[in-house]
Amino acid sequence: MSSQDNAGRPSKGEQIDAAEREAARQRILAQAEAERIPVEETTRAVPDRRWRGGR
């Protein structure tokens, strides 16, 4: 088989690499979703203790 016969078709190694990249991408997205903080919690006012006069 020459390289022209495979034109446009990825090799087996490239297919495996693509599958591994997609699996890693899915794991990262799942982890990010699990660690996501709802926006309601990030917009809540929290007092800044640095301005309390050194207590």
Protein backbone atom coordinates (compact mmCIF):
# COMPACT_ATOMS: atom_id res chain seq x y z
CA MET A 1 0.00 0.00 0.00
CA SER A 2 1.44 3.37 -0.92
CA SER A 3 0.84 6.63 0.94
CA GLN A 4 -1.49 7.70 -1.87
CA ASP A 5 -3.77 4.72 -1.15
CA ASN A 6 -4.31 6.06 2.37
CA ALA A 7 -4.89 9.67 1.36
CA GLY A 8 -7.44 11.24 3.71
CA ARG A 9 -7.56 8.24 6.07
CA PRO A 10 -5.65 8.48 9.36
CA SER A 11 -3.37 5.60 10.29
CA LYS A 12 -4.21 3.25 13.16
CA GLY A 13 -1.71 5.08 15.39
CA GLU A 14 -3.29 8.45 14.57
CA GLN A 15 -6.74 7.02 15.33
CA ILE A 16 -5.51 5.76 18.72
CA ASP A 17 -3.90 9.14 19.49
CA ALA A 18 -7.12 10.95 18.57
CA ALA A 19 -9.16 8.61 20.78
CA GLU A 20 -6.77 9.12 23.70
CA ARG A 21 -6.89 12.91 23.28
CA GLU A 22 -10.69 12.85 23.22
CA ALA A 23 -10.81 10.64 26.34
CA ALA A 24 -8.43 13.01 28.14
CA ARG A 25 -10.53 15.98 27.05
CA GLN A 26 -13.67 14.33 28.42
CA ARG A 27 -11.93 13.56 31.75
CA ILE A 28 -10.78 17.19 32.07
CA LEU A 29 -14.25 18.52 31.29
CA ALA A 30 -15.84 16.13 33.81
CA GLN A 31 -13.34 17.16 36.49
CA ALA A 32 -13.90 20.85 35.76
CA GLU A 33 -17.66 20.39 36.02
CA ALA A 34 -17.28 18.55 39.33
CA GLU A 35 -15.11 21.37 40.74
CA ARG A 36 -17.25 24.18 39.34
CA ILE A 37 -18.46 26.75 41.86
CA PRO A 38 -21.98 28.07 41.20
CA VAL A 39 -21.99 31.77 40.33
CA GLU A 40 -24.33 32.50 43.25
CA GLU A 41 -21.53 31.49 45.62
CA THR A 42 -18.84 33.53 43.89
CA THR A 43 -20.77 36.82 43.93
CA ARG A 44 -21.56 36.79 47.64
CA ALA A 45 -19.92 39.65 49.56
CA VAL A 46 -17.28 38.50 52.03
CA PRO A 47 -15.75 40.98 54.48
CA ASP A 48 -12.07 41.68 53.91
CA ARG A 49 -10.30 41.14 57.24
CA ARG A 50 -7.22 43.12 56.15
CA TRP A 51 -9.06 46.43 56.79
CA ARG A 52 -10.14 45.75 60.39
CA GLY A 53 -7.33 47.71 62.01
CA GLY A 54 -4.92 44.82 62.67
CA ARG A 55 -7.12 42.78 64.97
